[in-house]
Structures are given as structure tokens and as C-alpha cells.
Amino acid sequence: MHSSSKKVYLIGLNNDTLEVASVAKKIGIKVEAIINDYFEEDFFEGIPVIRTDQANLQYAVINCSSSISPLKTQKHFTSIGFNVQYFAEFMVQCTGKFPQRFLKFSSELEKIQNLYTELSDEISKKHFSSVTGFRSFGDLEYMADFEVNIKNQYLDMAKKLDPSSFMDVGGFDGDTSELLLSNLNGLTRIELFEPNKTNIENAKIRLQNHDCVNYHMYGLGNKNFVTRMSDDGSSSQVNDEGELEIKIKRLDDIDIEAVDFIKIDIEGAELSFLKGARGFLKETKPNLAIASYHFVDDLITIPNFVRNEIFCDYELYFRHYTQGWSESILYFVPAR
């Protein structure tokens, strides 16, 4: 049992890691270090960071990975010879409670599960049951059938929907637009929205062979204003202390042609986008792909808003593209 070990390593650079470290300290377990081969600093929030080849196989390892590839991480460190325990199990052993990440989700589980009956295919139901089980209880067995498939995210449903025009809200460096352009022969126009100037420039380089892309260097939300954003790559968020000054506009205030398919992945601002775009969406009825994992209640608030404010008659699909809690997408296909 790891809870009886005197020294442990942690895997993960996140709030789950810090929660485990705090509990370990209270019960007399020393966190020797965090194992990470890619982090360039020597410490993470005061905890030493070492490479895998510097670690002692005699120490137990607590896997605090939960977002992208917790199962792959678990298997990797086990194959090296470490005694690995998932952090949810460790926390239950030591405190009798699940970690905060899972407690918060499970507190809304009854409401979230109401969505199951709306799902339109068996894949959606299977993905939904697995993801909600994992996010409630932290049991990696729920994710056993998933692979990390971020590179091809959206493509499966995009092929099914076969759009001729696409709006990329949260376009980043053009990766999703490039994916669809490379795989959908009928795609003839893309409207790419990205408030980060560097990302826009990288997208233009990436998509330089495609003259069907229109670039919009601002974000989309529920009001028109200037704000700040953190510069954290694909996970950049609106943040008053952020390094970048950016513009946000309402889609309803922009003169733009209708599109067939809209992807919205803007780090928790998805509902804000919908509120500022409800007129456009009600009138044009595009297919929607909405990231629904940033907040605990996304699987409640996002479907409720679409249903009550935009269109009530639609097919609903759920797809998941990692082994952890991130990259869950709701697809709304409105009746024509």
C-alpha cells in the first residue's frame, strides 16, 4: 500500500499533484520528487522535479495524471518497474474521500446523467458512460477502451456531417482547420477566429496553401470588449493578469456568411460564445461541435442553453478523444 510508504514520487504537474502532496505531508509520507522528463524547471510549486533516469525504483509512485493520458502513464511507469498507484485510490485510502476533481463532478452526476437519454447513437452512449464514470470515481478501468486521439479530434463527426463551410472558433495555429481541409474534399471555406496574433501568424503559415481561409484576429463571446489572455499555447485563457491584450466580439454583431459546421473550443468560454451568437445560430442552424469538459457542469449548462435558446430539435452526439477527463465534445445536429 502506498499509504504506508515513507517516500514516494508523484507524476503530474497540476492541482491534483498538489492535493496529493498536501495529504501525503499530513500523514507523514515524504514526496521525494515529481518525475517529469520534459519540465525545464527544477521545482514545481516547491517540489523537486527529476527525470525518470534519476528516480529510485524502490520508491512508490503516485500517478496524478488525469487530463490526457493517465492510463498510458500508469502502464509506462509500471513497465519500467515502478510500483504505481493511481492518485484517486491513494486519496481514498488516506482520507476516505475522492480527490476534489472527482468529488465536484460526482456531486452533479445525477443531473449530468439525464443527458444519456438524448444521445443519438451507441458510440455516444458508450463514450458518455465511460467518461462520466471516470470523472466521478477516478477509476482508470472506465477509460480502458480509449486511445489518445487529439490529432484526429473532430474528424470522425466532420466526415459524417461533410460540411462545405467551417467556422473554427478557437482556431489556435490552424491545426483543426488543416485536419479538415486535408480530409474533406467538399470543404471550400473556413472562417478562423483566434485572438492571439502569434497563433494567427502560425496558422497563416500552416495553411498557406489554402486560399479558402479567412482569418479573424479576435475572440468570440457575449460582449464586445478588450481584455487580457494568458499566453499558454492551446490552453490559453482569458485572464486579467494575462500577458496578451486581445479583442472579443459577439458573433451576432459581425457581418459574416452562414457556415455548415462550427467548432467551439475556447477554454471554458463556450457558453459565453453561445450567448453572443444565439441570433446567428437560430437563423442559420449550423452543426455545432462544442468542447464540454472545462467546467464540472458543462454537460448540464451547454445542452440546456442550446435546447432552450437556440434550437430544440436536434440529434445529439458525444465523442471523447483522450484517456482522461479532457477533450469531450458535444455535437448538435439540428433538424433541417
Protein backbone atom coordinates (compact mmCIF):
# COMPACT_ATOMS: atom_id res chain seq x y z
CA MET A 1 0.00 0.00 0.00
CA HIS A 2 1.39 3.41 -0.91
CA SER A 3 -0.29 4.95 2.08
CA SER A 4 2.24 3.01 4.24
CA SER A 5 5.28 4.05 2.17
CA LYS A 6 7.63 6.57 3.73
CA LYS A 7 8.81 8.13 0.47
CA VAL A 8 7.01 8.47 -2.85
CA TYR A 9 7.36 10.08 -6.24
CA LEU A 10 4.50 11.88 -7.94
CA ILE A 11 3.69 12.09 -11.65
CA GLY A 12 1.86 15.17 -12.90
CA LEU A 13 2.23 18.95 -12.84
CA ASN A 14 -1.27 20.03 -11.83
CA ASN A 15 -3.62 20.76 -8.94
CA ASP A 16 -4.16 17.04 -8.38
CA THR A 17 -0.44 16.69 -7.70
CA LEU A 18 -0.59 19.49 -5.15
CA GLU A 19 -3.62 17.97 -3.42
CA VAL A 20 -1.86 14.62 -3.12
CA ALA A 21 1.33 16.27 -1.87
CA SER A 22 -0.62 18.09 0.83
CA VAL A 23 -2.31 14.89 2.03
CA ALA A 24 0.96 12.94 1.94
CA LYS A 25 2.65 15.53 4.14
CA LYS A 26 -0.17 15.40 6.71
CA ILE A 27 0.14 11.62 7.10
CA GLY A 28 3.94 11.52 7.25
CA ILE A 29 4.76 10.46 3.70
CA LYS A 30 7.61 12.39 2.09
CA VAL A 31 7.16 13.40 -1.55
CA GLU A 32 10.71 12.90 -2.74
CA ALA A 33 10.14 14.49 -6.17
CA ILE A 34 7.92 14.76 -9.22
CA ILE A 35 9.09 12.68 -12.17
CA ASN A 36 8.94 14.57 -15.46
CA ASP A 37 11.34 14.32 -18.40
CA TYR A 38 10.14 17.49 -20.15
CA PHE A 39 9.66 20.14 -17.46
CA GLU A 40 12.55 22.61 -17.70
CA GLU A 41 12.45 23.90 -14.12
CA ASP A 42 13.98 22.19 -11.08
CA PHE A 43 10.91 22.71 -8.91
CA PHE A 44 7.13 22.72 -9.30
CA GLU A 45 5.39 24.69 -6.54
CA GLY A 46 8.31 23.94 -4.22
CA ILE A 47 8.51 20.22 -5.07
CA PRO A 48 11.73 18.99 -6.75
CA VAL A 49 11.39 17.74 -10.32
CA ILE A 50 13.63 14.92 -11.60
CA ARG A 51 13.95 12.84 -14.77
CA THR A 52 12.90 9.22 -14.92
CA ASP A 53 16.51 8.01 -15.08
CA GLN A 54 17.21 9.80 -11.79
CA ALA A 55 14.43 8.02 -9.90
CA ASN A 56 14.89 5.17 -7.42
CA LEU A 57 12.82 2.11 -8.33
CA GLN A 58 12.49 1.30 -4.63
CA TYR A 59 10.16 4.26 -4.08
CA ALA A 60 6.46 4.01 -4.77
CA VAL A 61 4.93 6.23 -7.46
CA ILE A 62 1.56 8.00 -7.29
CA ASN A 63 0.18 8.79 -10.74
CA CYS A 64 -1.59 12.18 -10.59
CA SER A 65 -2.19 12.38 -14.33
CA SER A 66 -5.90 12.90 -15.07
CA SER A 67 -6.33 15.08 -18.14
CA ILE A 68 -4.92 13.40 -21.26
CA SER A 69 -3.20 10.04 -20.80
CA PRO A 70 -3.44 8.72 -17.22
CA LEU A 71 -3.79 5.10 -18.35
CA LYS A 72 -0.83 5.27 -20.73
CA THR A 73 1.22 6.91 -17.98
CA GLN A 74 0.23 4.20 -15.50
CA LYS A 75 1.24 1.44 -17.89
CA HIS A 76 4.51 3.14 -18.85
CA PHE A 77 5.83 3.52 -15.32
CA THR A 78 4.63 0.05 -14.35
CA SER A 79 6.54 -1.41 -17.33
CA ILE A 80 9.74 0.31 -16.16
CA GLY A 81 9.45 -1.47 -12.84
CA PHE A 82 7.87 1.11 -10.54
CA ASN A 83 5.13 0.24 -8.07
CA VAL A 84 2.44 2.65 -9.31
CA GLN A 85 -0.86 3.63 -7.72
CA TYR A 86 -3.44 5.97 -9.19
CA PHE A 87 -3.97 9.07 -7.08
CA ALA A 88 -7.73 8.61 -6.66
CA GLU A 89 -7.12 5.25 -4.97
CA PHE A 90 -4.36 6.77 -2.82
CA MET A 91 -6.63 9.58 -1.68
CA VAL A 92 -9.48 7.24 -0.78
CA GLN A 93 -7.07 5.06 1.22
CA CYS A 94 -5.63 8.02 3.09
CA THR A 95 -8.68 10.25 3.59
CA GLY A 96 -11.73 8.14 2.82
CA LYS A 97 -12.70 10.64 0.10
CA PHE A 98 -12.14 11.03 -3.61
CA PRO A 99 -9.91 13.90 -4.81
CA GLN A 100 -11.64 17.24 -5.35
CA ARG A 101 -11.64 16.81 -9.13
CA PHE A 102 -13.86 13.74 -8.86
CA LEU A 103 -15.91 14.90 -5.87
CA LYS A 104 -17.04 18.03 -7.75
CA PHE A 105 -18.13 16.07 -10.79
CA SER A 106 -19.87 13.32 -8.84
CA SER A 107 -21.88 15.95 -6.95
CA GLU A 108 -23.56 16.84 -10.28
CA LEU A 109 -23.70 13.29 -11.64
CA GLU A 110 -27.45 12.79 -11.36
CA LYS A 111 -28.16 15.90 -13.43
CA ILE A 112 -25.39 15.09 -15.89
CA GLN A 113 -26.69 11.57 -16.47
CA ASN A 114 -30.00 12.99 -17.70
CA LEU A 115 -28.18 13.71 -20.96
CA TYR A 116 -27.73 10.00 -21.66
CA THR A 117 -31.28 9.54 -22.94
CA GLU A 118 -30.80 12.32 -25.52
CA LEU A 119 -27.76 10.74 -27.17
CA SER A 120 -28.35 9.60 -30.74
CA ASP A 121 -26.04 6.61 -31.21
CA GLU A 122 -24.45 3.76 -29.28
CA ILE A 123 -20.94 5.19 -29.58
CA SER A 124 -22.15 8.35 -27.84
CA LYS A 125 -23.73 6.35 -25.04
CA LYS A 126 -20.63 4.20 -24.55
CA HIS A 127 -18.27 7.18 -24.53
CA PHE A 128 -20.57 9.13 -22.22
CA SER A 129 -20.92 6.29 -19.70
CA SER A 130 -17.17 5.71 -19.58
CA VAL A 131 -16.23 9.36 -19.24
CA THR A 132 -18.84 10.19 -16.59
CA GLY A 133 -17.81 7.07 -14.65
CA PHE A 134 -14.15 8.05 -14.71
CA ARG A 135 -14.85 11.68 -13.86
CA SER A 136 -16.97 10.63 -10.90
CA PHE A 137 -14.84 7.90 -9.34
CA GLY A 138 -11.33 8.18 -10.77
CA ASP A 139 -11.24 4.52 -11.79
CA LEU A 140 -8.95 4.08 -14.82
CA GLU A 141 -10.80 0.94 -15.89
CA TYR A 142 -13.54 3.17 -17.27
CA MET A 143 -11.04 4.52 -19.82
CA ALA A 144 -9.59 1.17 -20.90
CA ASP A 145 -11.09 1.36 -24.42
CA PHE A 146 -9.86 4.88 -25.21
CA GLU A 147 -6.72 5.96 -27.01
CA VAL A 148 -5.34 9.50 -27.04
CA ASN A 149 -6.63 10.77 -30.39
CA ILE A 150 -6.33 14.55 -30.15
CA LYS A 151 -4.55 14.72 -33.51
CA ASN A 152 -7.70 13.50 -35.28
CA GLN A 153 -10.19 15.20 -32.98
CA TYR A 154 -13.44 16.25 -34.74
CA LEU A 155 -12.59 14.33 -37.91
CA ASP A 156 -14.91 11.37 -37.31
CA MET A 157 -18.01 13.54 -36.97
CA ALA A 158 -16.83 16.01 -39.62
CA LYS A 159 -16.75 13.18 -42.15
CA LYS A 160 -20.27 12.22 -41.12
CA LEU A 161 -21.52 15.81 -41.49
CA ASP A 162 -19.47 16.56 -44.66
CA PRO A 163 -19.62 20.37 -44.43
CA SER A 164 -18.77 22.74 -47.28
CA SER A 165 -18.00 25.60 -44.87
CA PHE A 166 -16.48 25.60 -41.38
CA MET A 167 -16.06 28.11 -38.55
CA ASP A 168 -13.07 27.41 -36.32
CA VAL A 169 -13.71 29.24 -33.03
CA GLY A 170 -10.51 28.96 -31.06
CA GLY A 171 -8.52 28.26 -34.19
CA PHE A 172 -5.12 28.24 -32.40
CA ASP A 173 -2.44 27.59 -35.05
CA GLY A 174 -4.82 26.18 -37.65
CA ASP A 175 -4.40 22.53 -36.67
CA THR A 176 -8.10 21.63 -36.79
CA SER A 177 -8.68 23.59 -39.98
CA GLU A 178 -5.75 21.83 -41.63
CA LEU A 179 -7.07 18.44 -40.49
CA LEU A 180 -10.47 19.05 -42.06
CA LEU A 181 -9.07 20.58 -45.24
CA SER A 182 -6.84 17.52 -45.68
CA ASN A 183 -9.69 15.06 -45.28
CA LEU A 184 -12.87 16.73 -46.58
CA ASN A 185 -12.89 17.27 -50.33
CA GLY A 186 -16.04 19.38 -50.22
CA LEU A 187 -14.77 21.96 -47.74
CA THR A 188 -14.46 25.25 -49.64
CA ARG A 189 -14.49 27.99 -46.95
CA ILE A 190 -13.15 28.38 -43.41
CA GLU A 191 -13.66 31.29 -41.01
CA LEU A 192 -10.89 31.04 -38.40
CA PHE A 193 -11.20 33.05 -35.17
CA GLU A 194 -8.13 33.37 -32.94
CA PRO A 195 -7.29 36.39 -30.75
CA ASN A 196 -3.58 35.61 -30.31
CA LYS A 197 -1.51 37.34 -33.01
CA THR A 198 1.29 34.76 -32.86
CA ASN A 199 -1.20 31.93 -33.31
CA ILE A 200 -2.82 33.69 -36.26
CA GLU A 201 0.57 34.14 -37.92
CA ASN A 202 1.41 30.47 -37.34
CA ALA A 203 -1.98 29.47 -38.76
CA LYS A 204 -1.33 31.50 -41.90
CA ILE A 205 1.97 29.71 -42.38
CA ARG A 206 0.41 26.33 -41.71
CA LEU A 207 -2.47 26.96 -44.11
CA GLN A 208 -0.57 28.97 -46.71
CA ASN A 209 -1.53 26.55 -49.48
CA HIS A 210 -5.24 27.03 -48.81
CA ASP A 211 -6.74 30.27 -50.09
CA CYS A 212 -10.20 29.46 -48.73
CA VAL A 213 -9.38 30.52 -45.15
CA ASN A 214 -10.50 33.88 -43.76
CA TYR A 215 -8.66 34.98 -40.61
CA HIS A 216 -10.24 36.97 -37.77
CA MET A 217 -7.80 38.13 -35.08
CA TYR A 218 -10.23 38.33 -32.18
CA GLY A 219 -12.16 36.00 -29.94
CA LEU A 220 -15.91 35.47 -29.81
CA GLY A 221 -18.01 35.92 -26.69
CA ASN A 222 -21.07 37.53 -25.17
CA LYS A 223 -19.96 41.15 -25.44
CA ASN A 224 -17.61 43.41 -27.37
CA PHE A 225 -14.62 44.41 -25.25
CA VAL A 226 -10.87 44.41 -24.85
CA THR A 227 -9.37 42.08 -22.26
CA ARG A 228 -6.23 40.11 -21.49
CA MET A 229 -5.30 36.47 -22.08
CA SER A 230 -2.61 34.14 -20.78
CA ASP A 231 -0.06 33.01 -23.34
CA ASP A 232 -0.22 29.25 -22.66
CA GLY A 233 -0.39 27.80 -26.15
CA SER A 234 -3.52 25.81 -26.94
CA SER A 235 -4.77 26.16 -23.34
CA SER A 236 -4.59 29.98 -23.20
CA GLN A 237 -7.48 31.55 -21.29
CA VAL A 238 -8.94 35.00 -20.74
CA ASN A 239 -7.16 36.26 -17.65
CA ASP A 240 -6.98 39.79 -16.23
CA GLU A 241 -3.31 39.17 -15.40
CA GLY A 242 -2.52 37.67 -18.81
CA GLU A 243 0.42 38.74 -20.95
CA LEU A 244 -1.63 39.47 -24.08
CA GLU A 245 -4.22 42.15 -24.82
CA ILE A 246 -6.96 40.77 -27.04
CA LYS A 247 -10.32 41.74 -28.54
CA ILE A 248 -13.57 39.86 -28.02
CA LYS A 249 -16.66 40.36 -30.21
CA ARG A 250 -20.17 38.95 -30.41
CA LEU A 251 -20.81 36.84 -33.48
CA ASP A 252 -24.27 38.41 -33.68
CA ASP A 253 -22.60 41.79 -34.28
CA ILE A 254 -20.44 40.56 -37.15
CA ASP A 255 -21.46 40.54 -40.80
CA ILE A 256 -20.47 37.04 -41.89
CA GLU A 257 -21.90 34.36 -44.17
CA ALA A 258 -23.59 31.28 -42.75
CA VAL A 259 -21.50 28.15 -42.31
CA ASP A 260 -22.40 24.46 -42.14
CA PHE A 261 -20.28 23.46 -39.16
CA ILE A 262 -18.89 25.36 -36.16
CA LYS A 263 -16.26 24.09 -33.73
CA ILE A 264 -16.07 25.92 -30.38
CA ASP A 265 -13.16 25.12 -28.07
CA ILE A 266 -12.21 28.27 -26.18
CA GLU A 267 -11.04 27.06 -22.78
CA GLY A 268 -14.24 27.44 -20.81
CA ALA A 269 -15.78 30.39 -22.69
CA GLU A 270 -18.02 28.17 -24.83
CA LEU A 271 -21.24 29.26 -23.10
CA SER A 272 -20.23 32.91 -23.49
CA PHE A 273 -19.81 32.33 -27.23
CA LEU A 274 -23.27 30.76 -27.48
CA LYS A 275 -24.87 33.71 -25.68
CA GLY A 276 -23.27 36.15 -28.10
CA ALA A 277 -24.15 34.08 -31.15
CA ARG A 278 -27.70 32.89 -30.47
CA GLY A 279 -29.26 35.04 -33.22
CA PHE A 280 -26.80 33.83 -35.87
CA LEU A 281 -27.20 30.21 -34.74
CA LYS A 282 -31.00 30.28 -34.61
CA GLU A 283 -31.19 31.77 -38.09
CA THR A 284 -28.56 29.65 -39.86
CA LYS A 285 -28.81 26.35 -37.90
CA PRO A 286 -25.23 25.09 -38.33
CA ASN A 287 -23.95 21.83 -36.93
CA LEU A 288 -22.17 22.53 -33.64
CA ALA A 289 -19.16 20.85 -32.04
CA ILE A 290 -18.78 22.23 -28.53
CA ALA A 291 -15.99 21.40 -26.08
CA SER A 292 -17.83 20.35 -22.92
CA TYR A 293 -15.22 19.47 -20.31
CA HIS A 294 -13.68 22.67 -18.95
CA PHE A 295 -16.23 23.09 -16.15
CA VAL A 296 -17.90 20.45 -14.00
CA ASP A 297 -21.39 21.44 -15.17
CA ASP A 298 -20.64 21.87 -18.89
CA LEU A 299 -22.68 18.75 -19.67
CA ILE A 300 -25.64 20.45 -18.00
CA THR A 301 -25.38 24.12 -18.92
CA ILE A 302 -24.34 23.79 -22.57
CA PRO A 303 -27.14 21.38 -23.64
CA ASN A 304 -29.68 23.40 -21.63
CA PHE A 305 -28.69 26.62 -23.40
CA VAL A 306 -28.73 25.08 -26.88
CA ARG A 307 -32.09 23.42 -26.19
CA ASN A 308 -33.78 26.49 -24.69
CA GLU A 309 -32.16 29.38 -26.56
CA ILE A 310 -31.04 28.16 -29.98
CA PHE A 311 -32.83 25.09 -31.34
CA CYS A 312 -34.75 22.39 -29.55
CA ASP A 313 -34.92 19.82 -32.36
CA TYR A 314 -31.56 18.18 -32.97
CA GLU A 315 -29.60 14.95 -32.91
CA LEU A 316 -27.03 14.88 -30.13
CA TYR A 317 -23.69 13.04 -30.26
CA PHE A 318 -20.91 12.72 -27.69
CA ARG A 319 -17.31 11.90 -28.56
CA HIS A 320 -14.23 11.71 -26.36
CA TYR A 321 -10.63 11.86 -27.58
CA THR A 322 -8.32 11.13 -24.61
CA GLN A 323 -7.87 8.66 -21.75
CA GLY A 324 -8.64 11.35 -19.16
CA TRP A 325 -11.27 13.99 -18.45
CA SER A 326 -10.33 16.41 -21.23
CA GLU A 327 -11.48 16.64 -24.86
CA SER A 328 -15.14 15.67 -24.52
CA ILE A 329 -17.15 17.14 -27.39
CA LEU A 330 -20.92 17.51 -27.77
CA TYR A 331 -22.16 17.59 -31.37
CA PHE A 332 -25.56 19.17 -32.04
CA VAL A 333 -27.01 18.34 -35.46
CA PRO A 334 -30.16 20.45 -35.88
CA ALA A 335 -33.21 19.27 -37.78
CA ARG A 336 -33.43 20.93 -41.18
